Amino acid sequence: MKTLWLIAAVLLLSACATKQYPQVSAVTDQEAVSLNCQALEQEIAKTHDIQQKIAQTGSFDFLTVLGFMGDLGIGNGLARHNASEKAKSRLSELQTLRDVKCLTTTDSTSQARGVIRSS
C-alpha cells in the first residue's frame, strides 16, 4: 500500500515538473518609436542573454527526469521551443529596427560629414 502511495506521489509531482524558461515579449510599437541606437544595442544584448539562459535551463537535471516520467518530456520540450521562438523573434525585430534606425542615421551622418569636409 505504501508503494502505491509513493508511486502516486511521484506521478503527481512529475506533472508539475515543467521547467520555467525565461520569457520575452515582442517589440511593442512604443518601444520601436522610443528606443535609440544605444538602447537597441542593450536590448539585443539582453535578448542574447535570455537565449543563453534558455539553453542553460534546458540542460539535463532532476526536473528533466520528472518531466519525462510525467509526459515523456513533451511539456518541457514545448516550453523550451516556445521560449526560444519568442526570443528569436524579438531578436530579429530588434536587429531589423536597429538596421533601419541606426544604420540610416550613421549613413546620413557620414554623408553630411563628407559634404562638410569636401566644401
PDB file of N, CA and C in Angstrom:
ATOM      1  N   MET A   1       0.825  -1.197   0.000  1.00  0.00           N
ATOM      2  CA  MET A   1       0.000   0.000   0.000  1.00  0.00           C
ATOM      3  C   MET A   1       0.870   1.261   0.000  1.00  0.00           C
ATOM      4  N   LYS A   2       1.954   1.228   0.775  1.00  0.00           N
ATOM      5  CA  LYS A   2       2.850   2.385   0.810  1.00  0.00           C
ATOM      6  C   LYS A   2       3.486   2.602  -0.549  1.00  0.00           C
ATOM      7  N   THR A   3       3.782   1.521  -1.240  1.00  0.00           N
ATOM      8  CA  THR A   3       4.387   1.632  -2.567  1.00  0.00           C
ATOM      9  C   THR A   3       3.427   2.314  -3.529  1.00  0.00           C
ATOM     10  N   LEU A   4       2.169   2.000  -3.440  1.00  0.00           N
ATOM     11  CA  LEU A   4       1.164   2.611  -4.296  1.00  0.00           C
ATOM     12  C   LEU A   4       1.074   4.113  -4.050  1.00  0.00           C
ATOM     13  N   TRP A   5       1.118   4.541  -2.794  1.00  0.00           N
ATOM     14  CA  TRP A   5       1.097   5.967  -2.447  1.00  0.00           C
ATOM     15  C   TRP A   5       2.353   6.674  -2.948  1.00  0.00           C
ATOM     16  N   LEU A   6       3.485   6.002  -2.842  1.00  0.00           N
ATOM     17  CA  LEU A   6       4.747   6.580  -3.308  1.00  0.00           C
ATOM     18  C   LEU A   6       4.712   6.782  -4.816  1.00  0.00           C
ATOM     19  N   ILE A   7       4.219   5.786  -5.529  1.00  0.00           N
ATOM     20  CA  ILE A   7       4.131   5.897  -6.989  1.00  0.00           C
ATOM     21  C   ILE A   7       3.161   7.018  -7.366  1.00  0.00           C
ATOM     22  N   ALA A   8       2.040   7.103  -6.676  1.00  0.00           N
ATOM     23  CA  ALA A   8       1.065   8.158  -6.953  1.00  0.00           C
ATOM     24  C   ALA A   8       1.666   9.539  -6.687  1.00  0.00           C
ATOM     25  N   ALA A   9       2.422   9.672  -5.604  1.00  0.00           N
ATOM     26  CA  ALA A   9       3.048  10.957  -5.272  1.00  0.00           C
ATOM     27  C   ALA A   9       4.072  11.359  -6.321  1.00  0.00           C
ATOM     28  N   VAL A  10       4.883  10.408  -6.771  1.00  0.00           N
ATOM     29  CA  VAL A  10       5.898  10.698  -7.792  1.00  0.00           C
ATOM     30  C   VAL A  10       5.224  11.128  -9.086  1.00  0.00           C
ATOM     31  N   LEU A  11       4.160  10.455  -9.475  1.00  0.00           N
ATOM     32  CA  LEU A  11       3.460  10.818 -10.707  1.00  0.00           C
ATOM     33  C   LEU A  11       2.823  12.200 -10.601  1.00  0.00           C
ATOM     34  N   LEU A  12       2.266  12.514  -9.453  1.00  0.00           N
ATOM     35  CA  LEU A  12       1.685  13.847  -9.269  1.00  0.00           C
ATOM     36  C   LEU A  12       2.751  14.929  -9.311  1.00  0.00           C
ATOM     37  N   LEU A  13       3.876  14.668  -8.681  1.00  0.00           N
ATOM     38  CA  LEU A  13       4.964  15.655  -8.688  1.00  0.00           C
ATOM     39  C   LEU A  13       5.567  15.803 -10.074  1.00  0.00           C
ATOM     40  N   SER A  14       5.630  14.721 -10.822  1.00  0.00           N
ATOM     41  CA  SER A  14       6.223  14.796 -12.155  1.00  0.00           C
ATOM     42  C   SER A  14       5.379  15.636 -13.090  1.00  0.00           C
ATOM     43  N   ALA A  15       4.088  15.679 -12.861  1.00  0.00           N
ATOM     44  CA  ALA A  15       3.221  16.514 -13.694  1.00  0.00           C
ATOM     45  C   ALA A  15       3.509  17.997 -13.477  1.00  0.00           C
ATOM     46  N   CYS A  16       4.064  18.354 -12.342  1.00  0.00           N
ATOM     47  CA  CYS A  16       4.382  19.747 -12.033  1.00  0.00           C
ATOM     48  C   CYS A  16       5.836  20.076 -12.340  1.00  0.00           C
ATOM     49  N   ALA A  17       6.516  19.212 -13.047  1.00  0.00           N
ATOM     50  CA  ALA A  17       7.950  19.359 -13.237  1.00  0.00           C
ATOM     51  C   ALA A  17       8.327  20.121 -14.499  1.00  0.00           C
ATOM     52  N   THR A  18       7.396  20.830 -15.100  1.00  0.00           N
ATOM     53  CA  THR A  18       7.745  21.617 -16.273  1.00  0.00           C
ATOM     54  C   THR A  18       8.680  22.745 -15.855  1.00  0.00           C
ATOM     55  N   LYS A  19       9.770  22.860 -16.576  1.00  0.00           N
ATOM     56  CA  LYS A  19      10.756  23.896 -16.253  1.00  0.00           C
ATOM     57  C   LYS A  19      10.203  25.269 -16.607  1.00  0.00           C
ATOM     58  N   GLN A  20      10.681  26.267 -15.887  1.00  0.00           N
ATOM     59  CA  GLN A  20      10.264  27.646 -16.125  1.00  0.00           C
ATOM     60  C   GLN A  20      11.337  28.346 -16.948  1.00  0.00           C
ATOM     61  N   TYR A  21      11.068  28.523 -18.217  1.00  0.00           N
ATOM     62  CA  TYR A  21      12.010  29.180 -19.116  1.00  0.00           C
ATOM     63  C   TYR A  21      11.772  30.681 -19.107  1.00  0.00           C
ATOM     64  N   PRO A  22      12.850  31.476 -19.248  1.00  0.00           N
ATOM     65  CA  PRO A  22      12.684  32.934 -19.326  1.00  0.00           C
ATOM     66  C   PRO A  22      11.833  33.288 -20.550  1.00  0.00           C
ATOM     67  N   GLN A  23      10.982  34.272 -20.402  1.00  0.00           N
ATOM     68  CA  GLN A  23      10.087  34.686 -21.483  1.00  0.00           C
ATOM     69  C   GLN A  23      10.381  36.130 -21.877  1.00  0.00           C
ATOM     70  N   VAL A  24      10.236  36.396 -23.152  1.00  0.00           N
ATOM     71  CA  VAL A  24      10.355  37.772 -23.659  1.00  0.00           C
ATOM     72  C   VAL A  24       9.105  38.094 -24.464  1.00  0.00           C
ATOM     73  N   SER A  25       8.842  39.363 -24.621  1.00  0.00           N
ATOM     74  CA  SER A  25       7.689  39.777 -25.409  1.00  0.00           C
ATOM     75  C   SER A  25       8.159  40.350 -26.739  1.00  0.00           C
ATOM     76  N   ALA A  26       7.233  40.438 -27.653  1.00  0.00           N
ATOM     77  CA  ALA A  26       7.548  41.055 -28.944  1.00  0.00           C
ATOM     78  C   ALA A  26       7.824  42.542 -28.737  1.00  0.00           C
ATOM     79  N   VAL A  27       8.497  43.137 -29.692  1.00  0.00           N
ATOM     80  CA  VAL A  27       8.787  44.574 -29.629  1.00  0.00           C
ATOM     81  C   VAL A  27       7.469  45.323 -29.829  1.00  0.00           C
ATOM     82  N   THR A  28       7.156  46.186 -28.880  1.00  0.00           N
ATOM     83  CA  THR A  28       5.913  46.954 -28.974  1.00  0.00           C
ATOM     84  C   THR A  28       6.118  48.182 -29.862  1.00  0.00           C
ATOM     85  N   ASP A  29       5.018  48.761 -30.289  1.00  0.00           N
ATOM     86  CA  ASP A  29       5.099  49.976 -31.109  1.00  0.00           C
ATOM     87  C   ASP A  29       5.785  51.107 -30.340  1.00  0.00           C
ATOM     88  N   GLN A  30       5.488  51.205 -29.044  1.00  0.00           N
ATOM     89  CA  GLN A  30       6.101  52.260 -28.232  1.00  0.00           C
ATOM     90  C   GLN A  30       7.613  52.056 -28.141  1.00  0.00           C
ATOM     91  N   GLU A  31       8.055  50.800 -27.979  1.00  0.00           N
ATOM     92  CA  GLU A  31       9.495  50.532 -27.958  1.00  0.00           C
ATOM     93  C   GLU A  31      10.124  50.902 -29.286  1.00  0.00           C
ATOM     94  N   ALA A  32       9.469  50.542 -30.360  1.00  0.00           N
ATOM     95  CA  ALA A  32      10.011  50.814 -31.695  1.00  0.00           C
ATOM     96  C   ALA A  32      10.234  52.306 -31.914  1.00  0.00           C
ATOM     97  N   VAL A  33       9.353  53.118 -31.375  1.00  0.00           N
ATOM     98  CA  VAL A  33       9.471  54.563 -31.539  1.00  0.00           C
ATOM     99  C   VAL A  33      10.497  55.150 -30.579  1.00  0.00           C
ATOM    100  N   SER A  34      10.500  54.677 -29.338  1.00  0.00           N
ATOM    101  CA  SER A  34      11.294  55.350 -28.306  1.00  0.00           C
ATOM    102  C   SER A  34      12.734  54.852 -28.178  1.00  0.00           C
ATOM    103  N   LEU A  35      13.037  53.636 -28.607  1.00  0.00           N
ATOM    104  CA  LEU A  35      14.401  53.123 -28.429  1.00  0.00           C
ATOM    105  C   LEU A  35      15.367  53.800 -29.387  1.00  0.00           C
ATOM    106  N   ASN A  36      16.473  54.301 -28.830  1.00  0.00           N
ATOM    107  CA  ASN A  36      17.522  54.862 -29.677  1.00  0.00           C
ATOM    108  C   ASN A  36      18.559  53.770 -29.955  1.00  0.00           C
ATOM    109  N   CYS A  37      19.607  54.108 -30.658  1.00  0.00           N
ATOM    110  CA  CYS A  37      20.598  53.106 -31.067  1.00  0.00           C
ATOM    111  C   CYS A  37      21.257  52.429 -29.868  1.00  0.00           C
ATOM    112  N   GLN A  38      21.626  53.189 -28.864  1.00  0.00           N
ATOM    113  CA  GLN A  38      22.268  52.612 -27.688  1.00  0.00           C
ATOM    114  C   GLN A  38      21.299  51.680 -26.940  1.00  0.00           C
ATOM    115  N   ALA A  39      20.068  52.104 -26.794  1.00  0.00           N
ATOM    116  CA  ALA A  39      19.067  51.273 -26.117  1.00  0.00           C
ATOM    117  C   ALA A  39      18.783  49.998 -26.915  1.00  0.00           C
ATOM    118  N   LEU A  40      18.778  50.109 -28.238  1.00  0.00           N
ATOM    119  CA  LEU A  40      18.585  48.920 -29.076  1.00  0.00           C
ATOM    120  C   LEU A  40      19.713  47.924 -28.872  1.00  0.00           C
ATOM    121  N   GLU A  41      20.939  48.409 -28.811  1.00  0.00           N
ATOM    122  CA  GLU A  41      22.083  47.516 -28.575  1.00  0.00           C
ATOM    123  C   GLU A  41      21.964  46.824 -27.216  1.00  0.00           C
ATOM    124  N   GLN A  42      21.501  47.571 -26.207  1.00  0.00           N
ATOM    125  CA  GLN A  42      21.313  46.978 -24.880  1.00  0.00           C
ATOM    126  C   GLN A  42      20.219  45.915 -24.908  1.00  0.00           C
ATOM    127  N   GLU A  43      19.133  46.176 -25.595  1.00  0.00           N
ATOM    128  CA  GLU A  43      18.040  45.204 -25.691  1.00  0.00           C
ATOM    129  C   GLU A  43      18.479  43.958 -26.458  1.00  0.00           C
ATOM    130  N   ILE A  44      19.285  44.142 -27.482  1.00  0.00           N
ATOM    131  CA  ILE A  44      19.808  42.997 -28.233  1.00  0.00           C
ATOM    132  C   ILE A  44      20.706  42.154 -27.327  1.00  0.00           C
ATOM    133  N   ALA A  45      21.553  42.813 -26.540  1.00  0.00           N
ATOM    134  CA  ALA A  45      22.423  42.088 -25.604  1.00  0.00           C
ATOM    135  C   ALA A  45      21.596  41.327 -24.559  1.00  0.00           C
ATOM    136  N   LYS A  46      20.539  41.974 -24.052  1.00  0.00           N
ATOM    137  CA  LYS A  46      19.660  41.308 -23.074  1.00  0.00           C
ATOM    138  C   LYS A  46      18.997  40.079 -23.690  1.00  0.00           C
ATOM    139  N   THR A  47      18.579  40.194 -24.940  1.00  0.00           N
ATOM    140  CA  THR A  47      17.924  39.074 -25.608  1.00  0.00           C
ATOM    141  C   THR A  47      18.895  37.929 -25.829  1.00  0.00           C
ATOM    142  N   HIS A  48      20.147  38.244 -26.170  1.00  0.00           N
ATOM    143  CA  HIS A  48      21.172  37.191 -26.280  1.00  0.00           C
ATOM    144  C   HIS A  48      21.363  36.499 -24.928  1.00  0.00           C
ATOM    145  N   ASP A  49      21.358  37.279 -23.862  1.00  0.00           N
ATOM    146  CA  ASP A  49      21.494  36.727 -22.512  1.00  0.00           C
ATOM    147  C   ASP A  49      20.323  35.792 -22.184  1.00  0.00           C
ATOM    148  N   ILE A  50      19.136  36.184 -22.557  1.00  0.00           N
ATOM    149  CA  ILE A  50      17.964  35.345 -22.308  1.00  0.00           C
ATOM    150  C   ILE A  50      18.060  34.048 -23.114  1.00  0.00           C
ATOM    151  N   GLN A  51      18.565  34.124 -24.334  1.00  0.00           N
ATOM    152  CA  GLN A  51      18.751  32.908 -25.126  1.00  0.00           C
ATOM    153  C   GLN A  51      19.725  31.951 -24.435  1.00  0.00           C
ATOM    154  N   GLN A  52      20.784  32.488 -23.832  1.00  0.00           N
ATOM    155  CA  GLN A  52      21.725  31.647 -23.090  1.00  0.00           C
ATOM    156  C   GLN A  52      21.058  31.036 -21.863  1.00  0.00           C
ATOM    157  N   LYS A  53      20.214  31.800 -21.178  1.00  0.00           N
ATOM    158  CA  LYS A  53      19.503  31.277 -20.003  1.00  0.00           C
ATOM    159  C   LYS A  53      18.530  30.175 -20.397  1.00  0.00           C
ATOM    160  N   ILE A  54      17.906  30.313 -21.546  1.00  0.00           N
ATOM    161  CA  ILE A  54      17.006  29.266 -22.031  1.00  0.00           C
ATOM    162  C   ILE A  54      17.795  27.982 -22.267  1.00  0.00           C
ATOM    163  N   ALA A  55      18.967  28.112 -22.871  1.00  0.00           N
ATOM    164  CA  ALA A  55      19.807  26.938 -23.112  1.00  0.00           C
ATOM    165  C   ALA A  55      20.255  26.305 -21.794  1.00  0.00           C
ATOM    166  N   GLN A  56      20.615  27.133 -20.812  1.00  0.00           N
ATOM    167  CA  GLN A  56      21.034  26.601 -19.512  1.00  0.00           C
ATOM    168  C   GLN A  56      19.878  25.923 -18.797  1.00  0.00           C
ATOM    169  N   THR A  57      18.699  26.504 -18.865  1.00  0.00           N
ATOM    170  CA  THR A  57      17.530  25.920 -18.217  1.00  0.00           C
ATOM    171  C   THR A  57      17.192  24.578 -18.856  1.00  0.00           C
ATOM    172  N   GLY A  58      17.455  24.448 -20.136  1.00  0.00           N
ATOM    173  CA  GLY A  58      17.148  23.217 -20.855  1.00  0.00           C
ATOM    174  C   GLY A  58      18.131  22.090 -20.599  1.00  0.00           C
ATOM    175  N   SER A  59      19.165  22.360 -19.816  1.00  0.00           N
ATOM    176  CA  SER A  59      20.141  21.299 -19.551  1.00  0.00           C
ATOM    177  C   SER A  59      19.511  20.178 -18.728  1.00  0.00           C
ATOM    178  N   PHE A  60      20.102  19.016 -18.794  1.00  0.00           N
ATOM    179  CA  PHE A  60      19.583  17.820 -18.141  1.00  0.00           C
ATOM    180  C   PHE A  60      19.730  17.930 -16.626  1.00  0.00           C
ATOM    181  N   ASP A  61      18.629  17.727 -15.904  1.00  0.00           N
ATOM    182  CA  ASP A  61      18.652  17.735 -14.452  1.00  0.00           C
ATOM    183  C   ASP A  61      17.483  16.921 -13.911  1.00  0.00           C
ATOM    184  N   PHE A  62      17.243  17.027 -12.614  1.00  0.00           N
ATOM    185  CA  PHE A  62      16.195  16.261 -11.943  1.00  0.00           C
ATOM    186  C   PHE A  62      14.813  16.563 -12.527  1.00  0.00           C
ATOM    187  N   LEU A  63      14.550  17.839 -12.848  1.00  0.00           N
ATOM    188  CA  LEU A  63      13.254  18.193 -13.429  1.00  0.00           C
ATOM    189  C   LEU A  63      13.065  17.570 -14.806  1.00  0.00           C
ATOM    190  N   THR A  64      14.152  17.375 -15.540  1.00  0.00           N
ATOM    191  CA  THR A  64      14.067  16.719 -16.836  1.00  0.00           C
ATOM    192  C   THR A  64      13.576  15.293 -16.655  1.00  0.00           C
ATOM    193  N   VAL A  65      14.128  14.604 -15.661  1.00  0.00           N
ATOM    194  CA  VAL A  65      13.726  13.224 -15.387  1.00  0.00           C
ATOM    195  C   VAL A  65      12.262  13.168 -14.981  1.00  0.00           C
ATOM    196  N   LEU A  66      11.853  14.044 -14.054  1.00  0.00           N
ATOM    197  CA  LEU A  66      10.457  14.056 -13.611  1.00  0.00           C
ATOM    198  C   LEU A  66       9.516  14.422 -14.749  1.00  0.00           C
ATOM    199  N   GLY A  67       9.903  15.389 -15.545  1.00  0.00           N
ATOM    200  CA  GLY A  67       9.081  15.786 -16.688  1.00  0.00           C
ATOM    201  C   GLY A  67       8.937  14.658 -17.685  1.00  0.00           C
ATOM    202  N   PHE A  68       9.994  13.892 -17.889  1.00  0.00           N
ATOM    203  CA  PHE A  68       9.938  12.764 -18.811  1.00  0.00           C
ATOM    204  C   PHE A  68       9.011  11.686 -18.273  1.00  0.00           C
ATOM    205  N   MET A  69       9.064  11.472 -16.976  1.00  0.00           N
ATOM    206  CA  MET A  69       8.190  10.472 -16.364  1.00  0.00           C
ATOM    207  C   MET A  69       6.726  10.885 -16.480  1.00  0.00           C
ATOM    208  N   GLY A  70       6.435  12.162 -16.369  1.00  0.00           N
ATOM    209  CA  GLY A  70       5.058  12.635 -16.384  1.00  0.00           C
ATOM    210  C   GLY A  70       4.436  12.666 -17.761  1.00  0.00           C
ATOM    211  N   ASP A  71       5.155  13.182 -18.747  1.00  0.00           N
ATOM    212  CA  ASP A  71       4.559  13.334 -20.081  1.00  0.00           C
ATOM    213  C   ASP A  71       5.556  13.072 -21.200  1.00  0.00           C
ATOM    214  N   LEU A  72       6.542  12.236 -20.917  1.00  0.00           N
ATOM    215  CA  LEU A  72       7.586  11.888 -21.880  1.00  0.00           C
ATOM    216  C   LEU A  72       8.401  13.101 -22.320  1.00  0.00           C
ATOM    217  N   GLY A  73       8.433  14.125 -21.497  1.00  0.00           N
ATOM    218  CA  GLY A  73       9.240  15.309 -21.767  1.00  0.00           C
ATOM    219  C   GLY A  73       8.608  16.289 -22.736  1.00  0.00           C
ATOM    220  N   ILE A  74       7.384  16.026 -23.130  1.00  0.00           N
ATOM    221  CA  ILE A  74       6.732  16.880 -24.122  1.00  0.00           C
ATOM    222  C   ILE A  74       6.496  18.288 -23.573  1.00  0.00           C
ATOM    223  N   GLY A  75       6.064  18.392 -22.306  1.00  0.00           N
ATOM    224  CA  GLY A  75       5.804  19.712 -21.713  1.00  0.00           C
ATOM    225  C   GLY A  75       7.050  20.578 -21.678  1.00  0.00           C
ATOM    226  N   ASN A  76       8.171  20.005 -21.240  1.00  0.00           N
ATOM    227  CA  ASN A  76       9.419  20.757 -21.198  1.00  0.00           C
ATOM    228  C   ASN A  76       9.900  21.111 -22.604  1.00  0.00           C
ATOM    229  N   GLY A  77       9.723  20.190 -23.531  1.00  0.00           N
ATOM    230  CA  GLY A  77      10.136  20.451 -24.916  1.00  0.00           C
ATOM    231  C   GLY A  77       9.343  21.593 -25.530  1.00  0.00           C
ATOM    232  N   LEU A  78       8.035  21.582 -25.303  1.00  0.00           N
ATOM    233  CA  LEU A  78       7.195  22.661 -25.829  1.00  0.00           C
ATOM    234  C   LEU A  78       7.513  23.996 -25.171  1.00  0.00           C
ATOM    235  N   ALA A  79       7.723  23.983 -23.853  1.00  0.00           N
ATOM    236  CA  ALA A  79       8.040  25.222 -23.140  1.00  0.00           C
ATOM    237  C   ALA A  79       9.355  25.812 -23.654  1.00  0.00           C
ATOM    238  N   ARG A  80      10.342  24.959 -23.858  1.00  0.00           N
ATOM    239  CA  ARG A  80      11.642  25.441 -24.359  1.00  0.00           C
ATOM    240  C   ARG A  80      11.504  25.977 -25.782  1.00  0.00           C
ATOM    241  N   HIS A  81      10.787  25.243 -26.622  1.00  0.00           N
ATOM    242  CA  HIS A  81      10.615  25.667 -28.007  1.00  0.00           C
ATOM    243  C   HIS A  81       9.910  27.031 -28.078  1.00  0.00           C
ATOM    244  N   ASN A  82       8.840  27.190 -27.306  1.00  0.00           N
ATOM    245  CA  ASN A  82       8.107  28.460 -27.305  1.00  0.00           C
ATOM    246  C   ASN A  82       8.979  29.616 -26.818  1.00  0.00           C
ATOM    247  N   ALA A  83       9.730  29.393 -25.744  1.00  0.00           N
ATOM    248  CA  ALA A  83      10.612  30.444 -25.228  1.00  0.00           C
ATOM    249  C   ALA A  83      11.690  30.798 -26.249  1.00  0.00           C
ATOM    250  N   SER A  84      12.257  29.790 -26.902  1.00  0.00           N
ATOM    251  CA  SER A  84      13.301  30.029 -27.910  1.00  0.00           C
ATOM    252  C   SER A  84      12.754  30.803 -29.102  1.00  0.00           C
ATOM    253  N   GLU A  85      11.566  30.422 -29.549  1.00  0.00           N
ATOM    254  CA  GLU A  85      10.969  31.096 -30.704  1.00  0.00           C
ATOM    255  C   GLU A  85      10.650  32.561 -30.391  1.00  0.00           C
ATOM    256  N   LYS A  86      10.132  32.822 -29.205  1.00  0.00           N
ATOM    257  CA  LYS A  86       9.835  34.208 -28.816  1.00  0.00           C
ATOM    258  C   LYS A  86      11.115  35.038 -28.747  1.00  0.00           C
ATOM    259  N   ALA A  87      12.178  34.468 -28.182  1.00  0.00           N
ATOM    260  CA  ALA A  87      13.453  35.192 -28.087  1.00  0.00           C
ATOM    261  C   ALA A  87      14.034  35.435 -29.474  1.00  0.00           C
ATOM    262  N   LYS A  88      13.944  34.442 -30.332  1.00  0.00           N
ATOM    263  CA  LYS A  88      14.465  34.584 -31.697  1.00  0.00           C
ATOM    264  C   LYS A  88      13.686  35.654 -32.458  1.00  0.00           C
ATOM    265  N   SER A  89      12.376  35.671 -32.268  1.00  0.00           N
ATOM    266  CA  SER A  89      11.534  36.663 -32.933  1.00  0.00           C
ATOM    267  C   SER A  89      11.859  38.073 -32.440  1.00  0.00           C
ATOM    268  N   ARG A  90      12.004  38.240 -31.116  1.00  0.00           N
ATOM    269  CA  ARG A  90      12.324  39.561 -30.561  1.00  0.00           C
ATOM    270  C   ARG A  90      13.696  40.024 -31.059  1.00  0.00           C
ATOM    271  N   LEU A  91      14.660  39.117 -31.085  1.00  0.00           N
ATOM    272  CA  LEU A  91      15.999  39.473 -31.557  1.00  0.00           C
ATOM    273  C   LEU A  91      15.951  39.932 -33.005  1.00  0.00           C
ATOM    274  N   SER A  92      15.199  39.232 -33.821  1.00  0.00           N
ATOM    275  CA  SER A  92      15.066  39.611 -35.229  1.00  0.00           C
ATOM    276  C   SER A  92      14.417  40.986 -35.372  1.00  0.00           C
ATOM    277  N   GLU A  93      13.367  41.234 -34.583  1.00  0.00           N
ATOM    278  CA  GLU A  93      12.701  42.538 -34.632  1.00  0.00           C
ATOM    279  C   GLU A  93      13.634  43.654 -34.200  1.00  0.00           C
ATOM    280  N   LEU A  94      14.389  43.420 -33.133  1.00  0.00           N
ATOM    281  CA  LEU A  94      15.322  44.439 -32.642  1.00  0.00           C
ATOM    282  C   LEU A  94      16.425  44.717 -33.654  1.00  0.00           C
ATOM    283  N   GLN A  95      16.949  43.664 -34.280  1.00  0.00           N
ATOM    284  CA  GLN A  95      18.016  43.852 -35.262  1.00  0.00           C
ATOM    285  C   GLN A  95      17.512  44.586 -36.499  1.00  0.00           C
ATOM    286  N   THR A  96      16.295  44.276 -36.925  1.00  0.00           N
ATOM    287  CA  THR A  96      15.706  44.987 -38.060  1.00  0.00           C
ATOM    288  C   THR A  96      15.504  46.454 -37.719  1.00  0.00           C
ATOM    289  N   LEU A  97      15.001  46.704 -36.523  1.00  0.00           N
ATOM    290  CA  LEU A  97      14.796  48.085 -36.068  1.00  0.00           C
ATOM    291  C   LEU A  97      16.120  48.829 -35.993  1.00  0.00           C
ATOM    292  N   ARG A  98      17.158  48.148 -35.483  1.00  0.00           N
ATOM    293  CA  ARG A  98      18.485  48.764 -35.409  1.00  0.00           C
ATOM    294  C   ARG A  98      19.001  49.088 -36.807  1.00  0.00           C
ATOM    295  N   ASP A  99      18.807  48.164 -37.749  1.00  0.00           N
ATOM    296  CA  ASP A  99      19.268  48.395 -39.118  1.00  0.00           C
ATOM    297  C   ASP A  99      18.579  49.606 -39.734  1.00  0.00           C
ATOM    298  N   VAL A 100      17.298  49.751 -39.455  1.00  0.00           N
ATOM    299  CA  VAL A 100      16.541  50.871 -40.021  1.00  0.00           C
ATOM    300  C   VAL A 100      16.920  52.186 -39.347  1.00  0.00           C
ATOM    301  N   LYS A 101      16.946  52.189 -38.016  1.00  0.00           N
ATOM    302  CA  LYS A 101      17.181  53.429 -37.278  1.00  0.00           C
ATOM    303  C   LYS A 101      18.648  53.841 -37.245  1.00  0.00           C
ATOM    304  N   CYS A 102      19.520  52.905 -36.947  1.00  0.00           N
ATOM    305  CA  CYS A 102      20.914  53.264 -36.654  1.00  0.00           C
ATOM    306  C   CYS A 102      21.789  53.327 -37.891  1.00  0.00           C
ATOM    307  N   LEU A 103      21.652  52.392 -38.793  1.00  0.00           N
ATOM    308  CA  LEU A 103      22.496  52.421 -39.976  1.00  0.00           C
ATOM    309  C   LEU A 103      22.112  53.580 -40.873  1.00  0.00           C
ATOM    310  N   THR A 104      20.841  53.907 -40.926  1.00  0.00           N
ATOM    311  CA  THR A 104      20.396  55.055 -41.711  1.00  0.00           C
ATOM    312  C   THR A 104      20.933  56.338 -41.099  1.00  0.00           C
ATOM    313  N   THR A 105      20.885  56.440 -39.783  1.00  0.00           N
ATOM    314  CA  THR A 105      21.400  57.620 -39.083  1.00  0.00           C
ATOM    315  C   THR A 105      22.896  57.737 -39.287  1.00  0.00           C
ATOM    316  N   THR A 106      23.602  56.612 -39.182  1.00  0.00           N
ATOM    317  CA  THR A 106      25.052  56.613 -39.358  1.00  0.00           C
ATOM    318  C   THR A 106      25.417  57.016 -40.784  1.00  0.00           C
ATOM    319  N   ASP A 107      24.695  56.467 -41.773  1.00  0.00           N
ATOM    320  CA  ASP A 107      24.976  56.806 -43.169  1.00  0.00           C
ATOM    321  C   ASP A 107      24.718  58.287 -43.434  1.00  0.00           C
ATOM    322  N   SER A 108      23.640  58.821 -42.881  1.00  0.00           N
ATOM    323  CA  SER A 108      23.320  60.240 -43.070  1.00  0.00           C
ATOM    324  C   SER A 108      24.389  61.118 -42.448  1.00  0.00           C
ATOM    325  N   THR A 109      24.849  60.728 -41.254  1.00  0.00           N
ATOM    326  CA  THR A 109      25.887  61.495 -40.574  1.00  0.00           C
ATOM    327  C   THR A 109      27.185  61.445 -41.367  1.00  0.00           C
ATOM    328  N   SER A 110      27.531  60.271 -41.876  1.00  0.00           N
ATOM    329  CA  SER A 110      28.758  60.133 -42.671  1.00  0.00           C
ATOM    330  C   SER A 110      28.677  60.967 -43.938  1.00  0.00           C
ATOM    331  N   GLN A 111      27.518  60.953 -44.590  1.00  0.00           N
ATOM    332  CA  GLN A 111      27.363  61.744 -45.811  1.00  0.00           C
ATOM    333  C   GLN A 111      27.439  63.231 -45.487  1.00  0.00           C
ATOM    334  N   ALA A 112      26.864  63.652 -44.389  1.00  0.00           N
ATOM    335  CA  ALA A 112      26.898  65.065 -44.002  1.00  0.00           C
ATOM    336  C   ALA A 112      28.335  65.478 -43.721  1.00  0.00           C
ATOM    337  N   ARG A 113      29.092  64.625 -43.032  1.00  0.00           N
ATOM    338  CA  ARG A 113      30.500  64.940 -42.750  1.00  0.00           C
ATOM    339  C   ARG A 113      31.306  65.032 -44.032  1.00  0.00           C
ATOM    340  N   GLY A 114      30.996  64.139 -44.978  1.00  0.00           N
ATOM    341  CA  GLY A 114      31.690  64.142 -46.277  1.00  0.00           C
ATOM    342  C   GLY A 114      31.416  65.428 -47.036  1.00  0.00           C
ATOM    343  N   VAL A 115      30.186  65.883 -46.965  1.00  0.00           N
ATOM    344  CA  VAL A 115      29.820  67.116 -47.644  1.00  0.00           C
ATOM    345  C   VAL A 115      30.532  68.298 -46.997  1.00  0.00           C
ATOM    346  N   ILE A 116      30.598  68.312 -45.653  1.00  0.00           N
ATOM    347  CA  ILE A 116      31.253  69.396 -44.949  1.00  0.00           C
ATOM    348  C   ILE A 116      32.757  69.398 -45.245  1.00  0.00           C
ATOM    349  N   ARG A 117      33.368  68.210 -45.248  1.00  0.00           N
ATOM    350  CA  ARG A 117      34.821  68.127 -45.497  1.00  0.00           C
ATOM    351  C   ARG A 117      35.174  68.514 -46.931  1.00  0.00           C
ATOM    352  N   SER A 118      34.328  68.149 -47.887  1.00  0.00           N
ATOM    353  CA  SER A 118      34.648  68.445 -49.279  1.00  0.00           C
ATOM    354  C   SER A 118      34.400  69.916 -49.619  1.00  0.00           C
ATOM    355  N   SER A 119      33.668  70.622 -48.786  1.00  0.00           N
ATOM    356  CA  SER A 119      33.372  72.032 -49.062  1.00  0.00           C
ATOM    357  C   SER A 119      34.529  72.919 -48.754  1.00  0.00           C
TER     358      SER A 119
END
